[in-house]
C-alpha atoms as a PDB file:
ATOM      1  CA  UNK A   1      46.545 -24.469 -30.177  1.00  0.00           C
ATOM      2  CA  UNK A   2      45.766 -27.646 -28.223  1.00  0.00           C
ATOM      3  CA  UNK A   3      42.188 -27.692 -29.501  1.00  0.00           C
ATOM      4  CA  UNK A   4      43.201 -28.272 -33.142  1.00  0.00           C
ATOM      5  CA  UNK A   5      44.902 -31.479 -32.103  1.00  0.00           C
ATOM      6  CA  UNK A   6      41.627 -32.910 -30.853  1.00  0.00           C
ATOM      7  CA  UNK A   7      39.427 -34.485 -33.520  1.00  0.00           C
ATOM      8  CA  UNK A   8      35.930 -35.773 -32.877  1.00  0.00           C
ATOM      9  CA  UNK A   9      34.393 -38.663 -34.774  1.00  0.00           C
ATOM     10  CA  UNK A  10      30.652 -38.808 -34.148  1.00  0.00           C
ATOM     11  CA  UNK A  11      29.064 -42.205 -34.580  1.00  0.00           C
ATOM     12  CA  UNK A  12      25.395 -43.052 -34.803  1.00  0.00           C
ATOM     13  CA  UNK A  13      23.193 -46.117 -35.064  1.00  0.00           C
ATOM     14  CA  UNK A  14      24.997 -49.442 -34.803  1.00  0.00           C
ATOM     15  CA  UNK A  15      28.730 -49.984 -34.959  1.00  0.00           C
ATOM     16  CA  UNK A  16      28.750 -53.433 -36.523  1.00  0.00           C
ATOM     17  CA  UNK A  17      29.970 -55.399 -39.548  1.00  0.00           C
ATOM     18  CA  UNK A  18      28.005 -53.125 -41.880  1.00  0.00           C
ATOM     19  CA  UNK A  19      29.371 -49.853 -40.518  1.00  0.00           C
ATOM     20  CA  UNK A  20      32.976 -50.576 -39.485  1.00  0.00           C
ATOM     21  CA  UNK A  21      34.306 -49.620 -42.943  1.00  0.00           C
ATOM     22  CA  UNK A  22      32.586 -46.223 -42.721  1.00  0.00           C
ATOM     23  CA  UNK A  23      33.945 -45.829 -39.184  1.00  0.00           C
ATOM     24  CA  UNK A  24      37.511 -46.535 -40.359  1.00  0.00           C
ATOM     25  CA  UNK A  25      37.091 -43.988 -43.170  1.00  0.00           C
ATOM     26  CA  UNK A  26      35.945 -41.330 -40.681  1.00  0.00           C
ATOM     27  CA  UNK A  27      38.943 -42.128 -38.477  1.00  0.00           C
ATOM     28  CA  UNK A  28      41.383 -42.019 -41.420  1.00  0.00           C
ATOM     29  CA  UNK A  29      39.935 -38.648 -42.417  1.00  0.00           C
ATOM     30  CA  UNK A  30      40.316 -37.310 -38.869  1.00  0.00           C
ATOM     31  CA  UNK A  31      43.907 -38.534 -38.676  1.00  0.00           C
ATOM     32  CA  UNK A  32      45.036 -36.715 -41.812  1.00  0.00           C
ATOM     33  CA  UNK A  33      45.796 -33.698 -39.673  1.00  0.00           C
ATOM     34  CA  UNK A  34      47.970 -33.462 -36.568  1.00  0.00           C
ATOM     35  CA  UNK A  35      45.677 -35.305 -34.203  1.00  0.00           C
ATOM     36  CA  UNK A  36      46.908 -35.908 -30.686  1.00  0.00           C
ATOM     37  CA  UNK A  37      43.572 -37.010 -29.300  1.00  0.00           C
ATOM     38  CA  UNK A  38      40.775 -38.714 -31.201  1.00  0.00           C
ATOM     39  CA  UNK A  39      37.410 -38.485 -29.470  1.00  0.00           C
ATOM     40  CA  UNK A  40      34.909 -41.146 -30.462  1.00  0.00           C
ATOM     41  CA  UNK A  41      31.510 -39.673 -29.608  1.00  0.00           C
ATOM     42  CA  UNK A  42      29.026 -42.506 -29.115  1.00  0.00           C
ATOM     43  CA  UNK A  43      26.093 -40.384 -27.987  1.00  0.00           C
ATOM     44  CA  UNK A  44      23.926 -41.619 -30.888  1.00  0.00           C
ATOM     45  CA  UNK A  45      25.227 -45.193 -30.941  1.00  0.00           C
ATOM     46  CA  UNK A  46      22.638 -47.727 -29.899  1.00  0.00           C
ATOM     47  CA  UNK A  47      24.636 -50.932 -30.343  1.00  0.00           C
ATOM     48  CA  UNK A  48      28.200 -52.186 -30.862  1.00  0.00           C
ATOM     49  CA  UNK A  49      28.887 -55.792 -31.855  1.00  0.00           C
ATOM     50  CA  UNK A  50      32.175 -57.735 -31.836  1.00  0.00           C
ATOM     51  CA  UNK A  51      33.303 -56.373 -35.202  1.00  0.00           C
ATOM     52  CA  UNK A  52      32.559 -52.832 -34.018  1.00  0.00           C
ATOM     53  CA  UNK A  53      34.544 -53.490 -30.862  1.00  0.00           C
ATOM     54  CA  UNK A  54      37.340 -54.935 -32.995  1.00  0.00           C
ATOM     55  CA  UNK A  55      37.395 -51.765 -35.095  1.00  0.00           C
ATOM     56  CA  UNK A  56      37.671 -49.627 -31.940  1.00  0.00           C
ATOM     57  CA  UNK A  57      40.549 -51.770 -30.668  1.00  0.00           C
ATOM     58  CA  UNK A  58      42.367 -51.471 -34.016  1.00  0.00           C
ATOM     59  CA  UNK A  59      42.031 -47.691 -33.975  1.00  0.00           C
ATOM     60  CA  UNK A  60      43.148 -47.600 -30.337  1.00  0.00           C
ATOM     61  CA  UNK A  61      46.304 -49.610 -31.153  1.00  0.00           C
ATOM     62  CA  UNK A  62      46.999 -47.573 -34.281  1.00  0.00           C
ATOM     63  CA  UNK A  63      46.832 -44.313 -32.313  1.00  0.00           C
ATOM     64  CA  UNK A  64      48.965 -45.701 -29.495  1.00  0.00           C
ATOM     65  CA  UNK A  65      51.697 -46.498 -32.027  1.00  0.00           C
ATOM     66  CA  UNK A  66      51.816 -42.861 -33.113  1.00  0.00           C
ATOM     67  CA  UNK A  67      51.670 -41.635 -29.482  1.00  0.00           C
ATOM     68  CA  UNK A  68      48.123 -40.316 -29.723  1.00  0.00           C
ATOM     69  CA  UNK A  69      45.146 -40.944 -27.447  1.00  0.00           C
ATOM     70  CA  UNK A  70      41.740 -42.337 -28.216  1.00  0.00           C
ATOM     71  CA  UNK A  71      38.928 -41.218 -25.948  1.00  0.00           C
ATOM     72  CA  UNK A  72      35.379 -42.539 -26.021  1.00  0.00           C
ATOM     73  CA  UNK A  73      32.500 -40.499 -24.664  1.00  0.00           C
ATOM     74  CA  UNK A  74      28.742 -40.648 -24.187  1.00  0.00           C
ATOM     75  CA  UNK A  75      28.268 -44.415 -24.297  1.00  0.00           C
ATOM     76  CA  UNK A  76      24.897 -45.902 -23.416  1.00  0.00           C
ATOM     77  CA  UNK A  77      24.293 -48.604 -20.817  1.00  0.00           C
ATOM     78  CA  UNK A  78      24.390 -51.468 -23.344  1.00  0.00           C
ATOM     79  CA  UNK A  79      27.743 -50.339 -24.737  1.00  0.00           C
ATOM     80  CA  UNK A  80      29.110 -49.808 -21.220  1.00  0.00           C
ATOM     81  CA  UNK A  81      28.149 -53.395 -20.317  1.00  0.00           C
ATOM     82  CA  UNK A  82      29.881 -54.707 -23.473  1.00  0.00           C
ATOM     83  CA  UNK A  83      33.046 -52.793 -22.540  1.00  0.00           C
ATOM     84  CA  UNK A  84      32.886 -54.134 -18.985  1.00  0.00           C
ATOM     85  CA  UNK A  85      32.317 -57.738 -20.092  1.00  0.00           C
ATOM     86  CA  UNK A  86      35.263 -57.583 -22.481  1.00  0.00           C
ATOM     87  CA  UNK A  87      37.489 -55.666 -20.068  1.00  0.00           C
ATOM     88  CA  UNK A  88      37.757 -52.783 -22.540  1.00  0.00           C
ATOM     89  CA  UNK A  89      36.502 -50.348 -19.897  1.00  0.00           C
ATOM     90  CA  UNK A  90      39.985 -50.756 -18.350  1.00  0.00           C
ATOM     91  CA  UNK A  91      41.708 -50.156 -21.699  1.00  0.00           C
ATOM     92  CA  UNK A  92      39.698 -47.327 -23.231  1.00  0.00           C
ATOM     93  CA  UNK A  93      39.515 -43.862 -21.713  1.00  0.00           C
ATOM     94  CA  UNK A  94      35.792 -43.313 -21.289  1.00  0.00           C
ATOM     95  CA  UNK A  95      34.115 -40.028 -20.395  1.00  0.00           C
ATOM     96  CA  UNK A  96      30.425 -39.536 -19.612  1.00  0.00           C
ATOM     97  CA  UNK A  97      30.183 -36.760 -22.221  1.00  0.00           C
ATOM     98  CA  UNK A  98      32.210 -34.641 -24.598  1.00  0.00           C
ATOM     99  CA  UNK A  99      31.844 -31.736 -22.168  1.00  0.00           C
ATOM    100  CA  UNK A 100      33.359 -33.850 -19.369  1.00  0.00           C
ATOM    101  CA  UNK A 101      36.303 -34.695 -21.628  1.00  0.00           C
ATOM    102  CA  UNK A 102      36.795 -31.027 -22.594  1.00  0.00           C
ATOM    103  CA  UNK A 103      36.729 -30.149 -18.900  1.00  0.00           C
ATOM    104  CA  UNK A 104      39.461 -32.702 -18.179  1.00  0.00           C
ATOM    105  CA  UNK A 105      41.641 -31.115 -20.880  1.00  0.00           C
ATOM    106  CA  UNK A 106      41.215 -27.690 -19.350  1.00  0.00           C
ATOM    107  CA  UNK A 107      42.156 -29.001 -15.917  1.00  0.00           C
ATOM    108  CA  UNK A 108      45.420 -30.444 -17.245  1.00  0.00           C
ATOM    109  CA  UNK A 109      46.698 -27.061 -18.433  1.00  0.00           C
END
């Protein structure tokens, strides 16, 4: 039952001005159902710029308002540094991988 409430949005390439609209559409699609936790899988993301970061923050705030969680997993070193420089590593819940996140869910039961 809990598993249906987790939706995964897989991103790839760059999350920047050109792709934020597509990202928002993927998120909107994922949120059409009862989503308690939205997992943003960044395994195939090579780069995030300020507009990409802005889009993540917007989604984070939107989910917080409806009492849902946003989790980010599988970020590369460059993205991790961006999050650290902007302080977003303290705001976002970041897991090393989707498997690590799934494991944390199981441990909470």
